[in-house]
């Protein structure tokens, strides 16, 4: 089983409110890997749960660690990295 860990900085102005959280979950659900997000306080959420992600209260500038574990973990992290790089904009 492949496990990939990558740290991201939230760069969108309003942090991970409802719409960015939904975008994250939409992409995460395209993969079979288990995806988890951990904030700087050590709180964690299932990356496929909008409510879980929103409960992390991630704001602009916060660092989040994303862990993907499964056979498609590399692809999942790559797709989520693009989401962060684009500041959660233009997600289809």
PDB file of N, CA and C in Angstrom:
ATOM      1  N   UNK A   1       0.846  -1.190   0.000  1.00  0.00           N
ATOM      2  CA  UNK A   1       0.000   0.000   0.000  1.00  0.00           C
ATOM      3  C   UNK A   1       0.885   1.245   0.000  1.00  0.00           C
ATOM      4  N   UNK A   2       0.515   2.207  -0.808  1.00  0.00           N
ATOM      5  CA  UNK A   2       1.277   3.448  -0.937  1.00  0.00           C
ATOM      6  C   UNK A   2       0.713   4.475   0.037  1.00  0.00           C
ATOM      7  N   UNK A   3       1.611   5.193   0.716  1.00  0.00           N
ATOM      8  CA  UNK A   3       1.211   6.273   1.616  1.00  0.00           C
ATOM      9  C   UNK A   3       2.003   7.517   1.234  1.00  0.00           C
ATOM     10  N   UNK A   4       1.277   8.604   0.937  1.00  0.00           N
ATOM     11  CA  UNK A   4       1.907   9.856   0.536  1.00  0.00           C
ATOM     12  C   UNK A   4       1.445  10.948   1.491  1.00  0.00           C
ATOM     13  N   UNK A   5       2.407  11.725   1.978  1.00  0.00           N
ATOM     14  CA  UNK A   5       2.112  12.829   2.892  1.00  0.00           C
ATOM     15  C   UNK A   5       2.656  14.104   2.272  1.00  0.00           C
ATOM     16  N   UNK A   6       1.831  15.123   2.226  1.00  0.00           N
ATOM     17  CA  UNK A   6       2.244  16.404   1.638  1.00  0.00           C
ATOM     18  C   UNK A   6       1.656  17.532   2.469  1.00  0.00           C
ATOM     19  N   UNK A   7       2.447  18.569   2.683  1.00  0.00           N
ATOM     20  CA  UNK A   7       1.980  19.729   3.437  1.00  0.00           C
ATOM     21  C   UNK A   7       1.600  20.846   2.468  1.00  0.00           C
ATOM     22  N   UNK A   8       0.475  21.487   2.745  1.00  0.00           N
ATOM     23  CA  UNK A   8      -0.022  22.576   1.912  1.00  0.00           C
ATOM     24  C   UNK A   8      -0.300  23.789   2.789  1.00  0.00           C
ATOM     25  N   UNK A   9      -0.250  24.956   2.181  1.00  0.00           N
ATOM     26  CA  UNK A   9      -0.644  26.189   2.860  1.00  0.00           C
ATOM     27  C   UNK A   9      -1.921  26.676   2.205  1.00  0.00           C
ATOM     28  N   UNK A  10      -2.910  26.995   3.025  1.00  0.00           N
ATOM     29  CA  UNK A  10      -4.185  27.509   2.516  1.00  0.00           C
ATOM     30  C   UNK A  10      -3.936  28.945   2.060  1.00  0.00           C
ATOM     31  N   UNK A  11      -4.092  29.180   0.764  1.00  0.00           N
ATOM     32  CA  UNK A  11      -3.814  30.503   0.213  1.00  0.00           C
ATOM     33  C   UNK A  11      -5.055  31.262  -0.240  1.00  0.00           C
ATOM     34  N   UNK A  12      -6.203  30.584  -0.250  1.00  0.00           N
ATOM     35  CA  UNK A  12      -7.397  31.323  -0.652  1.00  0.00           C
ATOM     36  C   UNK A  12      -7.867  32.201   0.506  1.00  0.00           C
ATOM     37  N   UNK A  13      -8.378  33.356   0.177  1.00  0.00           N
ATOM     38  CA  UNK A  13      -8.680  34.413   1.138  1.00  0.00           C
ATOM     39  C   UNK A  13      -9.563  33.985   2.305  1.00  0.00           C
ATOM     40  N   UNK A  14     -10.590  33.201   2.031  1.00  0.00           N
ATOM     41  CA  UNK A  14     -11.555  32.846   3.074  1.00  0.00           C
ATOM     42  C   UNK A  14     -11.306  31.488   3.724  1.00  0.00           C
ATOM     43  N   UNK A  15     -10.161  30.875   3.453  1.00  0.00           N
ATOM     44  CA  UNK A  15      -9.864  29.586   4.063  1.00  0.00           C
ATOM     45  C   UNK A  15     -10.734  28.482   3.493  1.00  0.00           C
ATOM     46  N   UNK A  16     -10.864  27.407   4.259  1.00  0.00           N
ATOM     47  CA  UNK A  16     -11.647  26.264   3.787  1.00  0.00           C
ATOM     48  C   UNK A  16     -13.072  26.338   4.317  1.00  0.00           C
ATOM     49  N   UNK A  17     -13.835  27.270   3.766  1.00  0.00           N
ATOM     50  CA  UNK A  17     -15.252  27.359   4.092  1.00  0.00           C
ATOM     51  C   UNK A  17     -15.993  26.325   3.240  1.00  0.00           C
ATOM     52  N   UNK A  18     -17.283  26.426   3.134  1.00  0.00           N
ATOM     53  CA  UNK A  18     -18.103  25.389   2.501  1.00  0.00           C
ATOM     54  C   UNK A  18     -17.701  25.061   1.058  1.00  0.00           C
ATOM     55  N   UNK A  19     -17.564  26.048   0.216  1.00  0.00           N
ATOM     56  CA  UNK A  19     -17.291  25.771  -1.202  1.00  0.00           C
ATOM     57  C   UNK A  19     -15.916  25.124  -1.408  1.00  0.00           C
ATOM     58  N   UNK A  20     -14.828  25.652  -0.814  1.00  0.00           N
ATOM     59  CA  UNK A  20     -13.546  24.963  -0.990  1.00  0.00           C
ATOM     60  C   UNK A  20     -13.537  23.564  -0.378  1.00  0.00           C
ATOM     61  N   UNK A  21     -14.210  23.397   0.740  1.00  0.00           N
ATOM     62  CA  UNK A  21     -14.287  22.069   1.358  1.00  0.00           C
ATOM     63  C   UNK A  21     -15.002  21.101   0.423  1.00  0.00           C
ATOM     64  N   UNK A  22     -16.070  21.563  -0.203  1.00  0.00           N
ATOM     65  CA  UNK A  22     -16.809  20.731  -1.148  1.00  0.00           C
ATOM     66  C   UNK A  22     -15.935  20.375  -2.352  1.00  0.00           C
ATOM     67  N   UNK A  23     -15.128  21.322  -2.811  1.00  0.00           N
ATOM     68  CA  UNK A  23     -14.218  21.055  -3.927  1.00  0.00           C
ATOM     69  C   UNK A  23     -13.186  20.000  -3.546  1.00  0.00           C
ATOM     70  N   UNK A  24     -12.658  20.112  -2.336  1.00  0.00           N
ATOM     71  CA  UNK A  24     -11.685  19.132  -1.854  1.00  0.00           C
ATOM     72  C   UNK A  24     -12.318  17.744  -1.833  1.00  0.00           C
ATOM     73  N   UNK A  25     -13.511  17.650  -1.255  1.00  0.00           N
ATOM     74  CA  UNK A  25     -14.202  16.366  -1.140  1.00  0.00           C
ATOM     75  C   UNK A  25     -14.528  15.799  -2.520  1.00  0.00           C
ATOM     76  N   UNK A  26     -14.931  16.650  -3.431  1.00  0.00           N
ATOM     77  CA  UNK A  26     -15.262  16.192  -4.786  1.00  0.00           C
ATOM     78  C   UNK A  26     -14.054  15.514  -5.421  1.00  0.00           C
ATOM     79  N   UNK A  27     -12.897  16.138  -5.295  1.00  0.00           N
ATOM     80  CA  UNK A  27     -11.686  15.558  -5.876  1.00  0.00           C
ATOM     81  C   UNK A  27     -11.262  14.313  -5.092  1.00  0.00           C
ATOM     82  N   UNK A  28     -11.301  14.393  -3.772  1.00  0.00           N
ATOM     83  CA  UNK A  28     -10.892  13.246  -2.938  1.00  0.00           C
ATOM     84  C   UNK A  28     -11.721  12.004  -3.260  1.00  0.00           C
ATOM     85  N   UNK A  29     -12.991  12.199  -3.530  1.00  0.00           N
ATOM     86  CA  UNK A  29     -13.880  11.064  -3.823  1.00  0.00           C
ATOM     87  C   UNK A  29     -13.652  10.440  -5.193  1.00  0.00           C
ATOM     88  N   UNK A  30     -12.818  11.054  -6.009  1.00  0.00           N
ATOM     89  CA  UNK A  30     -12.470  10.472  -7.302  1.00  0.00           C
ATOM     90  C   UNK A  30     -11.447   9.345  -7.148  1.00  0.00           C
ATOM     91  N   UNK A  31     -10.914   9.200  -5.931  1.00  0.00           N
ATOM     92  CA  UNK A  31      -9.856   8.229  -5.673  1.00  0.00           C
ATOM     93  C   UNK A  31     -10.294   7.223  -4.617  1.00  0.00           C
ATOM     94  N   UNK A  32      -9.742   6.031  -4.701  1.00  0.00           N
ATOM     95  CA  UNK A  32     -10.066   4.993  -3.731  1.00  0.00           C
ATOM     96  C   UNK A  32      -9.263   5.134  -2.446  1.00  0.00           C
ATOM     97  N   UNK A  33      -8.154   5.846  -2.492  1.00  0.00           N
ATOM     98  CA  UNK A  33      -7.304   6.008  -1.319  1.00  0.00           C
ATOM     99  C   UNK A  33      -8.052   6.666  -0.170  1.00  0.00           C
ATOM    100  N   UNK A  34      -7.661   6.289   1.041  1.00  0.00           N
ATOM    101  CA  UNK A  34      -8.141   6.980   2.244  1.00  0.00           C
ATOM    102  C   UNK A  34      -7.370   8.291   2.318  1.00  0.00           C
ATOM    103  N   UNK A  35      -8.080   9.388   2.513  1.00  0.00           N
ATOM    104  CA  UNK A  35      -7.448  10.710   2.551  1.00  0.00           C
ATOM    105  C   UNK A  35      -7.812  11.374   3.866  1.00  0.00           C
ATOM    106  N   UNK A  36      -6.789  11.911   4.511  1.00  0.00           N
ATOM    107  CA  UNK A  36      -6.972  12.556   5.805  1.00  0.00           C
ATOM    108  C   UNK A  36      -6.253  13.901   5.795  1.00  0.00           C
ATOM    109  N   UNK A  37      -6.812  14.864   6.509  1.00  0.00           N
ATOM    110  CA  UNK A  37      -6.205  16.193   6.634  1.00  0.00           C
ATOM    111  C   UNK A  37      -5.922  16.430   8.108  1.00  0.00           C
ATOM    112  N   UNK A  38      -4.724  16.948   8.394  1.00  0.00           N
ATOM    113  CA  UNK A  38      -4.350  17.266   9.768  1.00  0.00           C
ATOM    114  C   UNK A  38      -3.923  18.726   9.814  1.00  0.00           C
ATOM    115  N   UNK A  39      -4.489  19.487  10.763  1.00  0.00           N
ATOM    116  CA  UNK A  39      -4.101  20.896  10.884  1.00  0.00           C
ATOM    117  C   UNK A  39      -2.921  21.040  11.846  1.00  0.00           C
ATOM    118  N   UNK A  40      -2.477  22.272  12.043  1.00  0.00           N
ATOM    119  CA  UNK A  40      -1.303  22.537  12.873  1.00  0.00           C
ATOM    120  C   UNK A  40      -1.518  22.184  14.344  1.00  0.00           C
ATOM    121  N   UNK A  41      -2.761  22.104  14.781  1.00  0.00           N
ATOM    122  CA  UNK A  41      -3.069  21.748  16.169  1.00  0.00           C
ATOM    123  C   UNK A  41      -3.142  20.235  16.381  1.00  0.00           C
ATOM    124  N   UNK A  42      -3.025  19.485  15.297  1.00  0.00           N
ATOM    125  CA  UNK A  42      -3.116  18.035  15.389  1.00  0.00           C
ATOM    126  C   UNK A  42      -4.526  17.504  15.218  1.00  0.00           C
ATOM    127  N   UNK A  43      -5.488  18.401  14.970  1.00  0.00           N
ATOM    128  CA  UNK A  43      -6.855  17.960  14.695  1.00  0.00           C
ATOM    129  C   UNK A  43      -6.879  17.358  13.289  1.00  0.00           C
ATOM    130  N   UNK A  44      -7.686  16.331  13.099  1.00  0.00           N
ATOM    131  CA  UNK A  44      -7.714  15.694  11.797  1.00  0.00           C
ATOM    132  C   UNK A  44      -9.142  15.481  11.326  1.00  0.00           C
ATOM    133  N   UNK A  45      -9.266  15.312  10.007  1.00  0.00           N
ATOM    134  CA  UNK A  45     -10.575  15.088   9.395  1.00  0.00           C
ATOM    135  C   UNK A  45     -10.425  14.140   8.224  1.00  0.00           C
ATOM    136  N   UNK A  46     -11.484  13.396   7.982  1.00  0.00           N
ATOM    137  CA  UNK A  46     -11.569  12.564   6.789  1.00  0.00           C
ATOM    138  C   UNK A  46     -11.641  13.510   5.593  1.00  0.00           C
ATOM    139  N   UNK A  47     -10.768  13.327   4.619  1.00  0.00           N
ATOM    140  CA  UNK A  47     -10.732  14.194   3.447  1.00  0.00           C
ATOM    141  C   UNK A  47     -11.913  14.021   2.516  1.00  0.00           C
ATOM    142  N   UNK A  48     -12.801  13.083   2.837  1.00  0.00           N
ATOM    143  CA  UNK A  48     -13.985  12.863   2.016  1.00  0.00           C
ATOM    144  C   UNK A  48     -15.247  13.308   2.750  1.00  0.00           C
ATOM    145  N   UNK A  49     -15.065  14.129   3.791  1.00  0.00           N
ATOM    146  CA  UNK A  49     -16.179  14.630   4.597  1.00  0.00           C
ATOM    147  C   UNK A  49     -16.166  16.156   4.632  1.00  0.00           C
ATOM    148  N   UNK A  50     -17.170  16.772   4.010  1.00  0.00           N
ATOM    149  CA  UNK A  50     -17.241  18.234   4.000  1.00  0.00           C
ATOM    150  C   UNK A  50     -17.289  18.774   5.424  1.00  0.00           C
ATOM    151  N   UNK A  51     -18.153  18.222   6.238  1.00  0.00           N
ATOM    152  CA  UNK A  51     -18.290  18.693   7.604  1.00  0.00           C
ATOM    153  C   UNK A  51     -16.981  18.540   8.376  1.00  0.00           C
ATOM    154  N   UNK A  52     -16.325  17.406   8.201  1.00  0.00           N
ATOM    155  CA  UNK A  52     -15.053  17.177   8.876  1.00  0.00           C
ATOM    156  C   UNK A  52     -14.019  18.222   8.511  1.00  0.00           C
ATOM    157  N   UNK A  53     -13.917  18.528   7.227  1.00  0.00           N
ATOM    158  CA  UNK A  53     -12.947  19.525   6.763  1.00  0.00           C
ATOM    159  C   UNK A  53     -13.296  20.901   7.305  1.00  0.00           C
ATOM    160  N   UNK A  54     -14.570  21.256   7.257  1.00  0.00           N
ATOM    161  CA  UNK A  54     -14.978  22.573   7.752  1.00  0.00           C
ATOM    162  C   UNK A  54     -14.709  22.706   9.252  1.00  0.00           C
ATOM    163  N   UNK A  55     -14.812  21.615   9.990  1.00  0.00           N
ATOM    164  CA  UNK A  55     -14.567  21.649  11.433  1.00  0.00           C
ATOM    165  C   UNK A  55     -13.105  21.931  11.766  1.00  0.00           C
ATOM    166  N   UNK A  56     -12.206  21.774  10.798  1.00  0.00           N
ATOM    167  CA  UNK A  56     -10.799  22.107  11.033  1.00  0.00           C
ATOM    168  C   UNK A  56     -10.585  23.620  11.112  1.00  0.00           C
ATOM    169  N   UNK A  57     -11.566  24.384  10.612  1.00  0.00           N
ATOM    170  CA  UNK A  57     -11.516  25.859  10.651  1.00  0.00           C
ATOM    171  C   UNK A  57     -10.215  26.403  10.058  1.00  0.00           C
ATOM    172  N   UNK A  58      -9.803  25.847   8.930  1.00  0.00           N
ATOM    173  CA  UNK A  58      -8.562  26.283   8.288  1.00  0.00           C
ATOM    174  C   UNK A  58      -8.747  27.653   7.650  1.00  0.00           C
ATOM    175  N   UNK A  59      -7.874  28.572   8.018  1.00  0.00           N
ATOM    176  CA  UNK A  59      -7.918  29.945   7.521  1.00  0.00           C
ATOM    177  C   UNK A  59      -6.765  30.188   6.554  1.00  0.00           C
ATOM    178  N   UNK A  60      -6.814  31.318   5.902  1.00  0.00           N
ATOM    179  CA  UNK A  60      -5.741  31.732   5.001  1.00  0.00           C
ATOM    180  C   UNK A  60      -4.419  31.705   5.762  1.00  0.00           C
ATOM    181  N   UNK A  61      -3.419  31.063   5.182  1.00  0.00           N
ATOM    182  CA  UNK A  61      -2.100  30.989   5.783  1.00  0.00           C
ATOM    183  C   UNK A  61      -1.861  29.757   6.645  1.00  0.00           C
ATOM    184  N   UNK A  62      -2.910  29.016   6.959  1.00  0.00           N
ATOM    185  CA  UNK A  62      -2.757  27.807   7.776  1.00  0.00           C
ATOM    186  C   UNK A  62      -2.061  26.704   6.986  1.00  0.00           C
ATOM    187  N   UNK A  63      -1.277  25.906   7.692  1.00  0.00           N
ATOM    188  CA  UNK A  63      -0.624  24.748   7.088  1.00  0.00           C
ATOM    189  C   UNK A  63      -1.457  23.510   7.384  1.00  0.00           C
ATOM    190  N   UNK A  64      -1.670  22.721   6.348  1.00  0.00           N
ATOM    191  CA  UNK A  64      -2.409  21.469   6.481  1.00  0.00           C
ATOM    192  C   UNK A  64      -1.569  20.340   5.916  1.00  0.00           C
ATOM    193  N   UNK A  65      -1.573  19.233   6.601  1.00  0.00           N
ATOM    194  CA  UNK A  65      -0.897  18.042   6.114  1.00  0.00           C
ATOM    195  C   UNK A  65      -1.975  17.128   5.538  1.00  0.00           C
ATOM    196  N   UNK A  66      -1.778  16.712   4.300  1.00  0.00           N
ATOM    197  CA  UNK A  66      -2.723  15.808   3.646  1.00  0.00           C
ATOM    198  C   UNK A  66      -2.037  14.460   3.479  1.00  0.00           C
ATOM    199  N   UNK A  67      -2.718  13.432   3.926  1.00  0.00           N
ATOM    200  CA  UNK A  67      -2.189  12.072   3.848  1.00  0.00           C
ATOM    201  C   UNK A  67      -3.134  11.240   2.988  1.00  0.00           C
ATOM    202  N   UNK A  68      -2.572  10.623   1.980  1.00  0.00           N
ATOM    203  CA  UNK A  68      -3.356   9.714   1.131  1.00  0.00           C
ATOM    204  C   UNK A  68      -2.727   8.331   1.243  1.00  0.00           C
ATOM    205  N   UNK A  69      -3.569   7.335   1.445  1.00  0.00           N
ATOM    206  CA  UNK A  69      -3.063   5.978   1.586  1.00  0.00           C
ATOM    207  C   UNK A  69      -3.909   5.031   0.744  1.00  0.00           C
ATOM    208  N   UNK A  70      -3.255   4.405  -0.220  1.00  0.00           N
ATOM    209  CA  UNK A  70      -3.935   3.485  -1.125  1.00  0.00           C
ATOM    210  C   UNK A  70      -3.168   3.368  -2.424  1.00  0.00           C
ATOM    211  N   UNK A  71      -3.663   2.548  -3.324  1.00  0.00           N
ATOM    212  CA  UNK A  71      -2.932   2.315  -4.568  1.00  0.00           C
ATOM    213  C   UNK A  71      -2.868   3.550  -5.472  1.00  0.00           C
ATOM    214  N   UNK A  72      -3.816   4.472  -5.336  1.00  0.00           N
ATOM    215  CA  UNK A  72      -3.811   5.681  -6.174  1.00  0.00           C
ATOM    216  C   UNK A  72      -3.455   6.942  -5.360  1.00  0.00           C
ATOM    217  N   UNK A  73      -2.704   6.752  -4.281  1.00  0.00           N
ATOM    218  CA  UNK A  73      -2.357   7.863  -3.388  1.00  0.00           C
ATOM    219  C   UNK A  73      -1.564   8.963  -4.094  1.00  0.00           C
ATOM    220  N   UNK A  74      -0.623   8.586  -4.949  1.00  0.00           N
ATOM    221  CA  UNK A  74       0.163   9.605  -5.667  1.00  0.00           C
ATOM    222  C   UNK A  74      -0.729  10.479  -6.535  1.00  0.00           C
ATOM    223  N   UNK A  75      -1.639   9.850  -7.247  1.00  0.00           N
ATOM    224  CA  UNK A  75      -2.552  10.600  -8.112  1.00  0.00           C
ATOM    225  C   UNK A  75      -3.474  11.502  -7.294  1.00  0.00           C
ATOM    226  N   UNK A  76      -3.921  11.014  -6.151  1.00  0.00           N
ATOM    227  CA  UNK A  76      -4.801  11.804  -5.294  1.00  0.00           C
ATOM    228  C   UNK A  76      -4.079  13.047  -4.780  1.00  0.00           C
ATOM    229  N   UNK A  77      -2.866  12.872  -4.301  1.00  0.00           N
ATOM    230  CA  UNK A  77      -2.103  14.017  -3.787  1.00  0.00           C
ATOM    231  C   UNK A  77      -1.819  15.010  -4.906  1.00  0.00           C
ATOM    232  N   UNK A  78      -1.498  14.522  -6.091  1.00  0.00           N
ATOM    233  CA  UNK A  78      -1.246  15.411  -7.225  1.00  0.00           C
ATOM    234  C   UNK A  78      -2.485  16.246  -7.550  1.00  0.00           C
ATOM    235  N   UNK A  79      -3.651  15.602  -7.583  1.00  0.00           N
ATOM    236  CA  UNK A  79      -4.892  16.323  -7.895  1.00  0.00           C
ATOM    237  C   UNK A  79      -5.212  17.349  -6.804  1.00  0.00           C
ATOM    238  N   UNK A  80      -5.019  16.981  -5.548  1.00  0.00           N
ATOM    239  CA  UNK A  80      -5.293  17.912  -4.451  1.00  0.00           C
ATOM    240  C   UNK A  80      -4.268  19.048  -4.421  1.00  0.00           C
ATOM    241  N   UNK A  81      -3.039  18.747  -4.813  1.00  0.00           N
ATOM    242  CA  UNK A  81      -2.021  19.799  -4.893  1.00  0.00           C
ATOM    243  C   UNK A  81      -2.430  20.859  -5.910  1.00  0.00           C
ATOM    244  N   UNK A  82      -2.963  20.427  -7.040  1.00  0.00           N
ATOM    245  CA  UNK A  82      -3.435  21.379  -8.047  1.00  0.00           C
ATOM    246  C   UNK A  82      -4.571  22.241  -7.506  1.00  0.00           C
ATOM    247  N   UNK A  83      -5.426  21.642  -6.704  1.00  0.00           N
ATOM    248  CA  UNK A  83      -6.528  22.383  -6.091  1.00  0.00           C
ATOM    249  C   UNK A  83      -5.989  23.498  -5.196  1.00  0.00           C
ATOM    250  N   UNK A  84      -5.010  23.177  -4.363  1.00  0.00           N
ATOM    251  CA  UNK A  84      -4.403  24.190  -3.486  1.00  0.00           C
ATOM    252  C   UNK A  84      -3.674  25.250  -4.296  1.00  0.00           C
ATOM    253  N   UNK A  85      -2.927  24.840  -5.317  1.00  0.00           N
ATOM    254  CA  UNK A  85      -2.174  25.789  -6.152  1.00  0.00           C
ATOM    255  C   UNK A  85      -3.110  26.787  -6.829  1.00  0.00           C
ATOM    256  N   UNK A  86      -4.291  26.311  -7.223  1.00  0.00           N
ATOM    257  CA  UNK A  86      -5.271  27.182  -7.889  1.00  0.00           C
ATOM    258  C   UNK A  86      -6.185  27.894  -6.919  1.00  0.00           C
ATOM    259  N   UNK A  87      -5.863  27.825  -5.634  1.00  0.00           N
ATOM    260  CA  UNK A  87      -6.626  28.487  -4.585  1.00  0.00           C
ATOM    261  C   UNK A  87      -8.110  28.111  -4.635  1.00  0.00           C
ATOM    262  N   UNK A  88      -8.357  26.846  -4.997  1.00  0.00           N
ATOM    263  CA  UNK A  88      -9.698  26.275  -5.025  1.00  0.00           C
ATOM    264  C   UNK A  88     -10.596  26.945  -6.069  1.00  0.00           C
ATOM    265  N   UNK A  89     -10.002  27.567  -7.071  1.00  0.00           N
ATOM    266  CA  UNK A  89     -10.748  28.232  -8.141  1.00  0.00           C
ATOM    267  C   UNK A  89     -10.830  27.329  -9.365  1.00  0.00           C
ATOM    268  N   UNK A  90     -11.879  27.520 -10.146  1.00  0.00           N
ATOM    269  CA  UNK A  90     -12.067  26.841 -11.433  1.00  0.00           C
ATOM    270  C   UNK A  90     -12.049  25.324 -11.302  1.00  0.00           C
ATOM    271  N   UNK A  91     -12.737  24.823 -10.321  1.00  0.00           N
ATOM    272  CA  UNK A  91     -12.838  23.377 -10.138  1.00  0.00           C
ATOM    273  C   UNK A  91     -14.066  22.895 -10.901  1.00  0.00           C
ATOM    274  N   UNK A  92     -13.873  21.850 -11.715  1.00  0.00           N
ATOM    275  CA  UNK A  92     -15.015  21.321 -12.473  1.00  0.00           C
ATOM    276  C   UNK A  92     -15.421  19.979 -11.940  1.00  0.00           C
TER     277      UNK A  92
END
